[in-house]
Amino acid sequence: MKPGARVYVPVSIAETRISKRYDAIPSGTLYPNADEIKYLQRLVMYKDSAIILLNKPPKLPVKGNLPIHNSMDGLAAAALSYDYDEGPKLVHRLDRESSGILLLGRTKNSVSHLQWLFSNINNAKSSCKAWNDACEATYQRYWALVIGAPKEKEGIIHAPLSKVLMNDGKTERVMLAHHSSIEPHQEAVTEYRVLGPKINGCSWVELRPLTYRKHQP
């Protein structure tokens, strides 16, 4: 460690006193309980009239369907309306197992604009230099602990991804497609760089998607 270095840690271990916070709320209950509401409010990192930033913990789903009601969108709608008539809305997603910063819009205009920005960041240029500079500085970044280490400290990964239907006939999984495969696939391009030396056989890697494919990182 050096003076001034930043240390990024998960949600405080003190939060573990809330038992079963990841369990599904019983299907007869449509609203989060008091512990879950207080827990989500403690995750708010920033709030203004247009947006809310949440520190999403791992294992908590972002989007829920019956009978799961303790997803981020359901909890936010119930707990983070503050002085507004409605709670904030999702403008992007993170995988259930991922932790990270989750952005939500508080108004119809902010939700619409943010959703457009996430899907069209590469085409968002305008005549305003400040806006263009902000767009160029905006990108999604992921940190991952991986087994082993890349041969190069930084580079670009090109990987074709395809959706595969599982044996139950309903569930889809995104996985690496074979180059010889005749199944439809989309090319995913990701920049990476290794953030430190390999320790105990594992490496800390930063990933920056240049394309926006489902489950790309």
Protein backbone atom coordinates (compact mmCIF):
# COMPACT_ATOMS: atom_id res chain seq x y z
CA MET A 1 0.00 0.00 0.00
CA LYS A 2 1.05 3.56 -0.73
CA PRO A 3 -0.19 6.84 0.85
CA GLY A 4 -3.37 8.00 -0.89
CA ALA A 5 -4.21 4.56 -2.34
CA ARG A 6 -7.88 3.64 -2.51
CA VAL A 7 -9.22 0.37 -1.16
CA TYR A 8 -12.51 -0.93 -2.58
CA VAL A 9 -14.39 -3.28 -0.24
CA PRO A 10 -17.79 -5.02 -0.35
CA VAL A 11 -20.80 -3.86 1.65
CA SER A 12 -19.91 -3.69 5.34
CA ILE A 13 -19.85 -7.03 7.11
CA ALA A 14 -22.17 -5.44 9.63
CA GLU A 15 -24.97 -5.88 7.11
CA THR A 16 -24.83 -9.65 7.66
CA ARG A 17 -26.91 -9.21 10.81
CA ILE A 18 -29.95 -9.01 8.50
CA SER A 19 -30.84 -12.67 8.20
CA LYS A 20 -32.14 -14.26 5.00
CA ARG A 21 -32.09 -10.97 3.10
CA TYR A 22 -31.59 -12.82 -0.19
CA ASP A 23 -34.43 -15.31 0.32
CA ALA A 24 -37.56 -14.87 -1.79
CA ILE A 25 -40.43 -13.10 -0.08
CA PRO A 26 -43.43 -15.48 0.24
CA SER A 27 -45.63 -15.34 -2.84
CA GLY A 28 -48.55 -13.99 -0.83
CA THR A 29 -46.56 -10.89 0.12
CA LEU A 30 -46.22 -8.21 -2.54
CA TYR A 31 -44.14 -5.72 -0.56
CA PRO A 32 -40.62 -5.92 0.94
CA ASN A 33 -40.33 -6.13 4.70
CA ALA A 34 -38.93 -3.35 6.90
CA ASP A 35 -35.44 -4.89 7.16
CA GLU A 36 -35.10 -5.11 3.37
CA ILE A 37 -36.26 -1.52 2.89
CA LYS A 38 -33.78 -0.19 5.46
CA TYR A 39 -31.03 -2.34 3.94
CA LEU A 40 -31.60 -0.94 0.44
CA GLN A 41 -31.65 2.64 1.68
CA ARG A 42 -28.19 2.08 3.18
CA LEU A 43 -26.93 1.06 -0.27
CA VAL A 44 -27.67 4.49 -1.79
CA MET A 45 -24.37 6.11 -2.78
CA TYR A 46 -25.77 9.20 -4.51
CA LYS A 47 -29.18 10.78 -5.09
CA ASP A 48 -30.41 13.91 -6.87
CA SER A 49 -33.63 14.97 -8.61
CA ALA A 50 -32.98 12.73 -11.65
CA ILE A 51 -30.94 9.67 -10.64
CA ILE A 52 -30.03 7.31 -7.80
CA LEU A 53 -26.81 5.28 -7.56
CA LEU A 54 -26.90 2.00 -5.63
CA ASN A 55 -24.05 -0.19 -4.42
CA LYS A 56 -25.52 -3.53 -5.54
CA PRO A 57 -24.35 -6.53 -3.48
CA PRO A 58 -23.77 -9.97 -5.02
CA LYS A 59 -26.50 -12.64 -5.04
CA LEU A 60 -29.31 -10.08 -5.23
CA PRO A 61 -31.29 -10.22 -8.51
CA VAL A 62 -31.75 -6.95 -10.38
CA LYS A 63 -35.03 -7.85 -12.06
CA GLY A 64 -37.58 -10.05 -10.32
CA ASN A 65 -40.53 -12.13 -11.42
CA LEU A 66 -43.17 -13.81 -9.29
CA PRO A 67 -42.72 -15.21 -6.69
CA ILE A 68 -39.43 -13.31 -6.24
CA HIS A 69 -40.12 -9.83 -4.87
CA ASN A 70 -36.79 -8.98 -3.24
CA SER A 71 -35.14 -7.91 -6.49
CA MET A 72 -33.50 -4.53 -6.90
CA ASP A 73 -36.32 -3.10 -9.01
CA GLY A 74 -39.01 -4.27 -6.58
CA LEU A 75 -37.13 -3.04 -3.52
CA ALA A 76 -36.31 0.30 -5.17
CA ALA A 77 -39.94 0.90 -6.11
CA ALA A 78 -40.99 0.33 -2.50
CA ALA A 79 -38.11 1.93 -0.62
CA LEU A 80 -36.56 4.70 -2.71
CA SER A 81 -39.41 6.94 -3.83
CA TYR A 82 -38.51 9.51 -1.13
CA ASP A 83 -40.57 12.62 -1.96
CA TYR A 84 -41.70 11.32 -5.39
CA ASP A 85 -44.99 9.58 -6.17
CA GLU A 86 -43.17 6.58 -7.68
CA GLY A 87 -39.90 4.78 -7.03
CA PRO A 88 -36.93 4.86 -9.44
CA LYS A 89 -36.68 2.63 -12.52
CA LEU A 90 -33.85 0.48 -13.85
CA VAL A 91 -31.94 1.76 -16.89
CA HIS A 92 -29.42 -1.12 -17.11
CA ARG A 93 -28.73 -4.43 -15.38
CA LEU A 94 -26.04 -6.39 -13.59
CA ASP A 95 -25.96 -10.16 -13.26
CA ARG A 96 -27.36 -11.60 -10.05
CA GLU A 97 -23.93 -12.82 -8.87
CA SER A 98 -22.20 -9.52 -9.70
CA SER A 99 -21.68 -6.59 -7.34
CA GLY A 100 -21.28 -3.06 -8.64
CA ILE A 101 -22.81 0.36 -9.21
CA LEU A 102 -26.41 0.30 -10.37
CA LEU A 103 -27.94 3.43 -11.92
CA LEU A 104 -31.68 4.14 -11.66
CA GLY A 105 -33.74 6.99 -13.11
CA ARG A 106 -36.19 8.89 -10.91
CA THR A 107 -38.35 10.55 -13.59
CA LYS A 108 -39.78 9.49 -16.95
CA ASN A 109 -37.43 11.87 -18.75
CA SER A 110 -34.31 10.70 -16.93
CA VAL A 111 -35.24 7.02 -17.39
CA SER A 112 -35.82 7.50 -21.12
CA HIS A 113 -32.63 9.49 -21.63
CA LEU A 114 -30.44 7.12 -19.60
CA GLN A 115 -31.79 4.03 -21.38
CA TRP A 116 -31.00 5.67 -24.72
CA LEU A 117 -27.53 6.63 -23.51
CA PHE A 118 -26.71 3.09 -22.37
CA SER A 119 -27.78 1.60 -25.71
CA ASN A 120 -26.36 4.36 -27.95
CA ILE A 121 -23.27 5.65 -26.16
CA ASN A 122 -21.17 5.25 -29.29
CA ASN A 123 -23.67 7.29 -31.35
CA ALA A 124 -24.36 10.03 -28.82
CA LYS A 125 -22.17 12.75 -30.33
CA SER A 126 -23.60 16.23 -30.66
CA SER A 127 -22.42 19.79 -31.43
CA CYS A 128 -21.69 20.33 -27.73
CA LYS A 129 -18.03 19.62 -26.88
CA ALA A 130 -18.74 19.17 -23.16
CA TRP A 131 -21.37 16.53 -23.97
CA ASN A 132 -19.01 14.72 -26.36
CA ASP A 133 -16.24 14.73 -23.75
CA ALA A 134 -18.64 13.27 -21.18
CA CYS A 135 -19.71 10.51 -23.61
CA GLU A 136 -16.11 9.60 -24.35
CA ALA A 137 -15.39 9.40 -20.62
CA THR A 138 -18.38 7.13 -20.01
CA TYR A 139 -17.91 3.39 -20.22
CA GLN A 140 -18.72 0.22 -18.31
CA ARG A 141 -15.89 -1.36 -16.36
CA TYR A 142 -15.84 -4.72 -14.59
CA TRP A 143 -13.36 -6.22 -12.15
CA ALA A 144 -13.02 -9.99 -12.02
CA LEU A 145 -11.00 -12.46 -9.99
CA VAL A 146 -9.94 -15.18 -12.43
CA ILE A 147 -8.01 -18.43 -12.12
CA GLY A 148 -4.62 -18.16 -13.84
CA ALA A 149 -3.38 -15.13 -15.74
CA PRO A 150 -3.45 -13.90 -19.37
CA LYS A 151 -0.20 -14.21 -21.28
CA GLU A 152 -0.22 -10.45 -21.95
CA LYS A 153 -0.83 -7.80 -19.30
CA GLU A 154 -3.42 -6.07 -21.49
CA GLY A 155 -5.15 -6.65 -24.80
CA ILE A 156 -8.44 -7.24 -26.61
CA ILE A 157 -10.59 -10.37 -26.46
CA HIS A 158 -12.70 -11.31 -29.50
CA ALA A 159 -15.25 -13.99 -28.62
CA PRO A 160 -18.40 -15.07 -30.49
CA LEU A 161 -21.35 -15.60 -28.11
CA SER A 162 -24.52 -17.57 -28.77
CA LYS A 163 -27.68 -18.43 -26.86
CA VAL A 164 -28.18 -22.13 -26.11
CA LEU A 165 -31.50 -23.65 -25.04
CA MET A 166 -31.11 -25.85 -21.99
CA ASN A 167 -32.59 -29.33 -21.52
CA ASP A 168 -35.73 -28.00 -19.82
CA GLY A 169 -36.71 -26.38 -23.12
CA LYS A 170 -37.27 -23.01 -21.45
CA THR A 171 -34.02 -21.68 -20.02
CA GLU A 172 -31.45 -19.98 -22.25
CA ARG A 173 -27.74 -19.69 -21.47
CA VAL A 174 -25.22 -17.42 -23.18
CA MET A 175 -21.96 -19.24 -23.90
CA LEU A 176 -18.90 -19.17 -26.14
CA ALA A 177 -19.73 -20.29 -29.67
CA HIS A 178 -17.43 -22.53 -31.69
CA HIS A 179 -16.00 -20.82 -34.77
CA SER A 180 -17.19 -23.76 -36.85
CA SER A 181 -20.68 -23.65 -35.37
CA ILE A 182 -23.63 -23.05 -37.68
CA GLU A 183 -25.67 -21.63 -34.79
CA PRO A 184 -26.30 -17.84 -34.92
CA HIS A 185 -23.89 -15.87 -32.78
CA GLN A 186 -22.73 -12.30 -32.08
CA GLU A 187 -19.14 -11.14 -31.85
CA ALA A 188 -18.20 -9.73 -28.45
CA VAL A 189 -15.14 -7.48 -28.11
CA THR A 190 -13.65 -6.67 -24.70
CA GLU A 191 -10.57 -4.75 -23.63
CA TYR A 192 -8.74 -6.16 -20.60
CA ARG A 193 -5.79 -5.35 -18.38
CA VAL A 194 -4.28 -7.19 -15.43
CA LEU A 195 -4.36 -5.03 -12.31
CA GLY A 196 -1.70 -6.80 -10.28
CA PRO A 197 0.55 -9.86 -9.86
CA LYS A 198 -0.86 -13.37 -9.72
CA ILE A 199 -1.49 -14.48 -6.13
CA ASN A 200 -2.31 -18.06 -5.14
CA GLY A 201 -2.90 -18.88 -8.79
CA CYS A 202 -5.47 -16.09 -9.32
CA SER A 203 -5.36 -12.69 -11.04
CA TRP A 204 -7.35 -9.47 -10.65
CA VAL A 205 -8.46 -8.31 -14.12
CA GLU A 206 -10.26 -5.20 -15.36
CA LEU A 207 -12.67 -5.73 -18.28
CA ARG A 208 -14.12 -3.01 -20.51
CA PRO A 209 -16.77 -4.16 -23.04
CA LEU A 210 -16.52 -2.44 -26.42
CA THR A 211 -19.66 -4.19 -27.63
CA TYR A 212 -22.75 -4.70 -25.50
CA ARG A 213 -23.64 -8.38 -25.64
CA LYS A 214 -25.60 -10.14 -22.94
CA HIS A 215 -23.27 -11.64 -20.29
CA GLN A 216 -20.25 -10.41 -22.29
CA PRO A 217 -17.79 -9.85 -19.41
